[in-house]
Amino acid sequence: MTEDMQQEAIEVASEAMAKFTIEKDIAQHIKRTFDERKGPTWHCIVGRNFGSFVTHETKHFIYFYLGHCAILLFKTQ
């Protein structure tokens, strides 16, 4: 993911975490925002304890923490 897109993901996630407390709602906000801004199809997983095994488009994947919450965001075709 480009540095600009990484920064955008962190900003969108911060906004979502300020608006919502339920992890599903945070993930939904991030996913829908990226679908609108970057085109479909994005997937988002938010939580404190999860495993993942995904296929994604090249340079369209980010995994990061905000506080104690992990966020996985990636795009598929």
PDB file of N, CA and C in Angstrom:
ATOM      1  N   MET A   1       0.854  -1.175   0.000  1.00  0.00           N
ATOM      2  CA  MET A   1       0.000   0.000   0.000  1.00  0.00           C
ATOM      3  C   MET A   1       0.900   1.238   0.000  1.00  0.00           C
ATOM      4  N   THR A   2       0.535   2.237  -0.783  1.00  0.00           N
ATOM      5  CA  THR A   2       1.330   3.460  -0.813  1.00  0.00           C
ATOM      6  C   THR A   2       1.282   4.140   0.558  1.00  0.00           C
ATOM      7  N   GLU A   3       2.261   4.989   0.807  1.00  0.00           N
ATOM      8  CA  GLU A   3       2.287   5.690   2.096  1.00  0.00           C
ATOM      9  C   GLU A   3       1.059   6.576   2.275  1.00  0.00           C
ATOM     10  N   ASP A   4       0.607   7.225   1.191  1.00  0.00           N
ATOM     11  CA  ASP A   4      -0.593   8.065   1.272  1.00  0.00           C
ATOM     12  C   ASP A   4      -1.816   7.231   1.636  1.00  0.00           C
ATOM     13  N   MET A   5      -1.947   6.062   1.005  1.00  0.00           N
ATOM     14  CA  MET A   5      -3.092   5.200   1.281  1.00  0.00           C
ATOM     15  C   MET A   5      -3.003   4.624   2.698  1.00  0.00           C
ATOM     16  N   GLN A   6      -1.799   4.332   3.159  1.00  0.00           N
ATOM     17  CA  GLN A   6      -1.623   3.863   4.538  1.00  0.00           C
ATOM     18  C   GLN A   6      -2.085   4.933   5.522  1.00  0.00           C
ATOM     19  N   GLN A   7      -1.686   6.167   5.272  1.00  0.00           N
ATOM     20  CA  GLN A   7      -2.089   7.269   6.150  1.00  0.00           C
ATOM     21  C   GLN A   7      -3.598   7.460   6.119  1.00  0.00           C
ATOM     22  N   GLU A   8      -4.190   7.331   4.939  1.00  0.00           N
ATOM     23  CA  GLU A   8      -5.642   7.451   4.815  1.00  0.00           C
ATOM     24  C   GLU A   8      -6.347   6.344   5.599  1.00  0.00           C
ATOM     25  N   ALA A   9      -5.820   5.134   5.546  1.00  0.00           N
ATOM     26  CA  ALA A   9      -6.408   4.017   6.289  1.00  0.00           C
ATOM     27  C   ALA A   9      -6.373   4.290   7.789  1.00  0.00           C
ATOM     28  N   ILE A  10      -5.276   4.806   8.271  1.00  0.00           N
ATOM     29  CA  ILE A  10      -5.151   5.118   9.698  1.00  0.00           C
ATOM     30  C   ILE A  10      -6.121   6.229  10.089  1.00  0.00           C
ATOM     31  N   GLU A  11      -6.253   7.246   9.235  1.00  0.00           N
ATOM     32  CA  GLU A  11      -7.178   8.350   9.521  1.00  0.00           C
ATOM     33  C   GLU A  11      -8.628   7.877   9.528  1.00  0.00           C
ATOM     34  N   VAL A  12      -9.004   7.064   8.538  1.00  0.00           N
ATOM     35  CA  VAL A  12     -10.376   6.548   8.466  1.00  0.00           C
ATOM     36  C   VAL A  12     -10.658   5.650   9.673  1.00  0.00           C
ATOM     37  N   ALA A  13      -9.692   4.829  10.045  1.00  0.00           N
ATOM     38  CA  ALA A  13      -9.860   3.956  11.210  1.00  0.00           C
ATOM     39  C   ALA A  13      -9.997   4.775  12.493  1.00  0.00           C
ATOM     40  N   SER A  14      -9.224   5.830  12.623  1.00  0.00           N
ATOM     41  CA  SER A  14      -9.326   6.699  13.803  1.00  0.00           C
ATOM     42  C   SER A  14     -10.697   7.342  13.887  1.00  0.00           C
ATOM     43  N   GLU A  15     -11.206   7.817  12.744  1.00  0.00           N
ATOM     44  CA  GLU A  15     -12.558   8.390  12.702  1.00  0.00           C
ATOM     45  C   GLU A  15     -13.592   7.351  13.118  1.00  0.00           C
ATOM     46  N   ALA A  16     -13.456   6.141  12.589  1.00  0.00           N
ATOM     47  CA  ALA A  16     -14.412   5.076  12.900  1.00  0.00           C
ATOM     48  C   ALA A  16     -14.392   4.733  14.383  1.00  0.00           C
ATOM     49  N   MET A  17     -13.199   4.680  14.957  1.00  0.00           N
ATOM     50  CA  MET A  17     -13.096   4.337  16.375  1.00  0.00           C
ATOM     51  C   MET A  17     -13.627   5.454  17.272  1.00  0.00           C
ATOM     52  N   ALA A  18     -13.590   6.683  16.786  1.00  0.00           N
ATOM     53  CA  ALA A  18     -14.162   7.797  17.544  1.00  0.00           C
ATOM     54  C   ALA A  18     -15.691   7.768  17.492  1.00  0.00           C
ATOM     55  N   LYS A  19     -16.251   7.286  16.379  1.00  0.00           N
ATOM     56  CA  LYS A  19     -17.706   7.262  16.195  1.00  0.00           C
ATOM     57  C   LYS A  19     -18.366   6.022  16.786  1.00  0.00           C
ATOM     58  N   PHE A  20     -17.667   4.879  16.728  1.00  0.00           N
ATOM     59  CA  PHE A  20     -18.278   3.597  17.079  1.00  0.00           C
ATOM     60  C   PHE A  20     -17.478   2.885  18.157  1.00  0.00           C
ATOM     61  N   THR A  21     -18.168   2.049  18.936  1.00  0.00           N
ATOM     62  CA  THR A  21     -17.496   1.247  19.956  1.00  0.00           C
ATOM     63  C   THR A  21     -17.522  -0.244  19.617  1.00  0.00           C
ATOM     64  N   ILE A  22     -18.456  -0.665  18.788  1.00  0.00           N
ATOM     65  CA  ILE A  22     -18.568  -2.075  18.405  1.00  0.00           C
ATOM     66  C   ILE A  22     -17.642  -2.338  17.220  1.00  0.00           C
ATOM     67  N   GLU A  23     -16.825  -3.378  17.341  1.00  0.00           N
ATOM     68  CA  GLU A  23     -15.815  -3.671  16.322  1.00  0.00           C
ATOM     69  C   GLU A  23     -16.416  -3.872  14.934  1.00  0.00           C
ATOM     70  N   LYS A  24     -17.573  -4.528  14.856  1.00  0.00           N
ATOM     71  CA  LYS A  24     -18.235  -4.745  13.572  1.00  0.00           C
ATOM     72  C   LYS A  24     -18.582  -3.419  12.907  1.00  0.00           C
ATOM     73  N   ASP A  25     -19.039  -2.459  13.688  1.00  0.00           N
ATOM     74  CA  ASP A  25     -19.398  -1.148  13.147  1.00  0.00           C
ATOM     75  C   ASP A  25     -18.160  -0.378  12.686  1.00  0.00           C
ATOM     76  N   ILE A  26     -17.069  -0.523  13.405  1.00  0.00           N
ATOM     77  CA  ILE A  26     -15.805   0.109  13.005  1.00  0.00           C
ATOM     78  C   ILE A  26     -15.350  -0.464  11.670  1.00  0.00           C
ATOM     79  N   ALA A  27     -15.362  -1.792  11.561  1.00  0.00           N
ATOM     80  CA  ALA A  27     -14.952  -2.458  10.320  1.00  0.00           C
ATOM     81  C   ALA A  27     -15.851  -2.052   9.153  1.00  0.00           C
ATOM     82  N   GLN A  28     -17.148  -1.984   9.403  1.00  0.00           N
ATOM     83  CA  GLN A  28     -18.098  -1.609   8.352  1.00  0.00           C
ATOM     84  C   GLN A  28     -17.820  -0.192   7.846  1.00  0.00           C
ATOM     85  N   HIS A  29     -17.560   0.724   8.744  1.00  0.00           N
ATOM     86  CA  HIS A  29     -17.276   2.105   8.355  1.00  0.00           C
ATOM     87  C   HIS A  29     -16.010   2.186   7.501  1.00  0.00           C
ATOM     88  N   ILE A  30     -14.958   1.497   7.923  1.00  0.00           N
ATOM     89  CA  ILE A  30     -13.697   1.514   7.170  1.00  0.00           C
ATOM     90  C   ILE A  30     -13.900   0.906   5.790  1.00  0.00           C
ATOM     91  N   LYS A  31     -14.536  -0.246   5.728  1.00  0.00           N
ATOM     92  CA  LYS A  31     -14.774  -0.940   4.458  1.00  0.00           C
ATOM     93  C   LYS A  31     -15.593  -0.078   3.503  1.00  0.00           C
ATOM     94  N   ARG A  32     -16.691   0.468   3.980  1.00  0.00           N
ATOM     95  CA  ARG A  32     -17.565   1.269   3.106  1.00  0.00           C
ATOM     96  C   ARG A  32     -16.870   2.547   2.638  1.00  0.00           C
ATOM     97  N   THR A  33     -16.089   3.162   3.508  1.00  0.00           N
ATOM     98  CA  THR A  33     -15.358   4.370   3.120  1.00  0.00           C
ATOM     99  C   THR A  33     -14.358   4.056   2.016  1.00  0.00           C
ATOM    100  N   PHE A  34     -13.612   2.964   2.157  1.00  0.00           N
ATOM    101  CA  PHE A  34     -12.636   2.601   1.127  1.00  0.00           C
ATOM    102  C   PHE A  34     -13.315   2.149  -0.162  1.00  0.00           C
ATOM    103  N   ASP A  35     -14.447   1.468  -0.062  1.00  0.00           N
ATOM    104  CA  ASP A  35     -15.201   1.114  -1.276  1.00  0.00           C
ATOM    105  C   ASP A  35     -15.612   2.377  -2.034  1.00  0.00           C
ATOM    106  N   GLU A  36     -16.074   3.389  -1.304  1.00  0.00           N
ATOM    107  CA  GLU A  36     -16.511   4.640  -1.936  1.00  0.00           C
ATOM    108  C   GLU A  36     -15.342   5.421  -2.525  1.00  0.00           C
ATOM    109  N   ARG A  37     -14.255   5.514  -1.785  1.00  0.00           N
ATOM    110  CA  ARG A  37     -13.119   6.343  -2.215  1.00  0.00           C
ATOM    111  C   ARG A  37     -12.209   5.658  -3.225  1.00  0.00           C
ATOM    112  N   LYS A  38     -12.022   4.353  -3.078  1.00  0.00           N
ATOM    113  CA  LYS A  38     -11.022   3.635  -3.879  1.00  0.00           C
ATOM    114  C   LYS A  38     -11.624   2.600  -4.818  1.00  0.00           C
ATOM    115  N   GLY A  39     -12.944   2.450  -4.804  1.00  0.00           N
ATOM    116  CA  GLY A  39     -13.596   1.437  -5.629  1.00  0.00           C
ATOM    117  C   GLY A  39     -13.609   0.094  -4.919  1.00  0.00           C
ATOM    118  N   PRO A  40     -14.599  -0.745  -5.264  1.00  0.00           N
ATOM    119  CA  PRO A  40     -14.714  -2.050  -4.608  1.00  0.00           C
ATOM    120  C   PRO A  40     -13.618  -3.006  -5.086  1.00  0.00           C
ATOM    121  N   THR A  41     -13.362  -4.030  -4.398  1.00  0.00           N
ATOM    122  CA  THR A  41     -14.041  -4.532  -3.219  1.00  0.00           C
ATOM    123  C   THR A  41     -13.023  -4.640  -2.077  1.00  0.00           C
ATOM    124  N   TRP A  42     -13.287  -3.918  -0.999  1.00  0.00           N
ATOM    125  CA  TRP A  42     -12.419  -3.909   0.174  1.00  0.00           C
ATOM    126  C   TRP A  42     -13.023  -4.782   1.267  1.00  0.00           C
ATOM    127  N   HIS A  43     -12.155  -5.319   2.119  1.00  0.00           N
ATOM    128  CA  HIS A  43     -12.560  -6.139   3.257  1.00  0.00           C
ATOM    129  C   HIS A  43     -11.831  -5.604   4.484  1.00  0.00           C
ATOM    130  N   CYS A  44     -12.518  -5.618   5.618  1.00  0.00           N
ATOM    131  CA  CYS A  44     -11.918  -5.092   6.841  1.00  0.00           C
ATOM    132  C   CYS A  44     -12.263  -5.990   8.021  1.00  0.00           C
ATOM    133  N   ILE A  45     -11.252  -6.292   8.814  1.00  0.00           N
ATOM    134  CA  ILE A  45     -11.419  -7.074  10.030  1.00  0.00           C
ATOM    135  C   ILE A  45     -10.842  -6.245  11.174  1.00  0.00           C
ATOM    136  N   VAL A  46     -11.615  -6.129  12.239  1.00  0.00           N
ATOM    137  CA  VAL A  46     -11.204  -5.339  13.396  1.00  0.00           C
ATOM    138  C   VAL A  46     -11.373  -6.196  14.644  1.00  0.00           C
ATOM    139  N   GLY A  47     -10.365  -6.218  15.496  1.00  0.00           N
ATOM    140  CA  GLY A  47     -10.500  -6.983  16.730  1.00  0.00           C
ATOM    141  C   GLY A  47      -9.215  -7.039  17.520  1.00  0.00           C
ATOM    142  N   ARG A  48      -9.274  -7.785  18.602  1.00  0.00           N
ATOM    143  CA  ARG A  48      -8.128  -7.920  19.494  1.00  0.00           C
ATOM    144  C   ARG A  48      -7.454  -9.278  19.372  1.00  0.00           C
ATOM    145  N   ASN A  49      -8.153 -10.250  18.793  1.00  0.00           N
ATOM    146  CA  ASN A  49      -7.586 -11.594  18.706  1.00  0.00           C
ATOM    147  C   ASN A  49      -8.190 -12.321  17.512  1.00  0.00           C
ATOM    148  N   PHE A  50      -7.466 -12.369  16.412  1.00  0.00           N
ATOM    149  CA  PHE A  50      -7.943 -13.104  15.242  1.00  0.00           C
ATOM    150  C   PHE A  50      -6.761 -13.542  14.391  1.00  0.00           C
ATOM    151  N   GLY A  51      -6.972 -14.599  13.659  1.00  0.00           N
ATOM    152  CA  GLY A  51      -6.003 -15.048  12.665  1.00  0.00           C
ATOM    153  C   GLY A  51      -6.564 -14.744  11.293  1.00  0.00           C
ATOM    154  N   SER A  52      -5.702 -14.743  10.306  1.00  0.00           N
ATOM    155  CA  SER A  52      -6.189 -14.484   8.951  1.00  0.00           C
ATOM    156  C   SER A  52      -5.322 -15.205   7.934  1.00  0.00           C
ATOM    157  N   PHE A  53      -5.933 -15.495   6.803  1.00  0.00           N
ATOM    158  CA  PHE A  53      -5.244 -16.069   5.655  1.00  0.00           C
ATOM    159  C   PHE A  53      -6.022 -15.575   4.448  1.00  0.00           C
ATOM    160  N   VAL A  54      -5.500 -14.568   3.754  1.00  0.00           N
ATOM    161  CA  VAL A  54      -6.274 -13.899   2.706  1.00  0.00           C
ATOM    162  C   VAL A  54      -5.473 -13.792   1.416  1.00  0.00           C
ATOM    163  N   THR A  55      -6.205 -13.636   0.330  1.00  0.00           N
ATOM    164  CA  THR A  55      -5.622 -13.299  -0.964  1.00  0.00           C
ATOM    165  C   THR A  55      -6.051 -11.876  -1.272  1.00  0.00           C
ATOM    166  N   HIS A  56      -5.109 -11.044  -1.698  1.00  0.00           N
ATOM    167  CA  HIS A  56      -5.423  -9.634  -1.926  1.00  0.00           C
ATOM    168  C   HIS A  56      -4.693  -9.130  -3.158  1.00  0.00           C
ATOM    169  N   GLU A  57      -5.154  -7.997  -3.668  1.00  0.00           N
ATOM    170  CA  GLU A  57      -4.470  -7.350  -4.782  1.00  0.00           C
ATOM    171  C   GLU A  57      -3.109  -6.836  -4.306  1.00  0.00           C
ATOM    172  N   THR A  58      -2.143  -6.872  -5.201  1.00  0.00           N
ATOM    173  CA  THR A  58      -0.810  -6.375  -4.890  1.00  0.00           C
ATOM    174  C   THR A  58      -0.882  -4.910  -4.461  1.00  0.00           C
ATOM    175  N   LYS A  59      -0.171  -4.580  -3.403  1.00  0.00           N
ATOM    176  CA  LYS A  59      -0.090  -3.219  -2.867  1.00  0.00           C
ATOM    177  C   LYS A  59      -1.429  -2.675  -2.369  1.00  0.00           C
ATOM    178  N   HIS A  60      -2.309  -3.560  -1.958  1.00  0.00           N
ATOM    179  CA  HIS A  60      -3.603  -3.157  -1.408  1.00  0.00           C
ATOM    180  C   HIS A  60      -3.888  -3.936  -0.124  1.00  0.00           C
ATOM    181  N   PHE A  61      -2.969  -3.861   0.832  1.00  0.00           N
ATOM    182  CA  PHE A  61      -3.079  -4.599   2.093  1.00  0.00           C
ATOM    183  C   PHE A  61      -2.405  -3.785   3.189  1.00  0.00           C
ATOM    184  N   ILE A  62      -3.065  -3.708   4.330  1.00  0.00           N
ATOM    185  CA  ILE A  62      -2.446  -3.077   5.492  1.00  0.00           C
ATOM    186  C   ILE A  62      -2.955  -3.769   6.752  1.00  0.00           C
ATOM    187  N   TYR A  63      -2.055  -3.916   7.702  1.00  0.00           N
ATOM    188  CA  TYR A  63      -2.370  -4.471   9.018  1.00  0.00           C
ATOM    189  C   TYR A  63      -1.690  -3.570  10.041  1.00  0.00           C
ATOM    190  N   PHE A  64      -2.472  -3.022  10.958  1.00  0.00           N
ATOM    191  CA  PHE A  64      -1.906  -2.102  11.935  1.00  0.00           C
ATOM    192  C   PHE A  64      -2.734  -2.115  13.212  1.00  0.00           C
ATOM    193  N   TYR A  65      -2.174  -1.532  14.253  1.00  0.00           N
ATOM    194  CA  TYR A  65      -2.857  -1.393  15.537  1.00  0.00           C
ATOM    195  C   TYR A  65      -3.163   0.069  15.800  1.00  0.00           C
ATOM    196  N   LEU A  66      -4.347   0.303  16.343  1.00  0.00           N
ATOM    197  CA  LEU A  66      -4.701   1.589  16.940  1.00  0.00           C
ATOM    198  C   LEU A  66      -5.057   1.270  18.385  1.00  0.00           C
ATOM    199  N   GLY A  67      -4.220   1.675  19.293  1.00  0.00           N
ATOM    200  CA  GLY A  67      -4.410   1.275  20.684  1.00  0.00           C
ATOM    201  C   GLY A  67      -4.242  -0.232  20.797  1.00  0.00           C
ATOM    202  N   HIS A  68      -5.228  -0.884  21.406  1.00  0.00           N
ATOM    203  CA  HIS A  68      -5.172  -2.339  21.575  1.00  0.00           C
ATOM    204  C   HIS A  68      -5.933  -3.078  20.485  1.00  0.00           C
ATOM    205  N   CYS A  69      -6.406  -2.371  19.486  1.00  0.00           N
ATOM    206  CA  CYS A  69      -7.255  -2.959  18.450  1.00  0.00           C
ATOM    207  C   CYS A  69      -6.464  -3.130  17.147  1.00  0.00           C
ATOM    208  N   ALA A  70      -6.485  -4.340  16.605  1.00  0.00           N
ATOM    209  CA  ALA A  70      -5.825  -4.613  15.326  1.00  0.00           C
ATOM    210  C   ALA A  70      -6.806  -4.365  14.187  1.00  0.00           C
ATOM    211  N   ILE A  71      -6.289  -3.856  13.071  1.00  0.00           N
ATOM    212  CA  ILE A  71      -7.112  -3.587  11.895  1.00  0.00           C
ATOM    213  C   ILE A  71      -6.420  -4.187  10.682  1.00  0.00           C
ATOM    214  N   LEU A  72      -7.166  -5.010   9.965  1.00  0.00           N
ATOM    215  CA  LEU A  72      -6.698  -5.623   8.730  1.00  0.00           C
ATOM    216  C   LEU A  72      -7.596  -5.109   7.612  1.00  0.00           C
ATOM    217  N   LEU A  73      -7.004  -4.490   6.606  1.00  0.00           N
ATOM    218  CA  LEU A  73      -7.753  -3.917   5.487  1.00  0.00           C
ATOM    219  C   LEU A  73      -7.071  -4.344   4.198  1.00  0.00           C
ATOM    220  N   PHE A  74      -7.863  -4.918   3.275  1.00  0.00           N
ATOM    221  CA  PHE A  74      -7.282  -5.355   2.010  1.00  0.00           C
ATOM    222  C   PHE A  74      -8.329  -5.332   0.906  1.00  0.00           C
ATOM    223  N   LYS A  75      -7.849  -5.308  -0.333  1.00  0.00           N
ATOM    224  CA  LYS A  75      -8.721  -5.234  -1.503  1.00  0.00           C
ATOM    225  C   LYS A  75      -8.611  -6.511  -2.320  1.00  0.00           C
ATOM    226  N   THR A  76      -9.760  -6.948  -2.852  1.00  0.00           N
ATOM    227  CA  THR A  76      -9.801  -8.073  -3.782  1.00  0.00           C
ATOM    228  C   THR A  76     -10.515  -7.635  -5.048  1.00  0.00           C
ATOM    229  N   GLN A  77     -10.390  -8.452  -6.084  1.00  0.00           N
ATOM    230  CA  GLN A  77     -11.055  -8.109  -7.353  1.00  0.00           C
ATOM    231  C   GLN A  77     -12.505  -8.498  -7.341  1.00  0.00           C
TER     232      GLN A  77
END
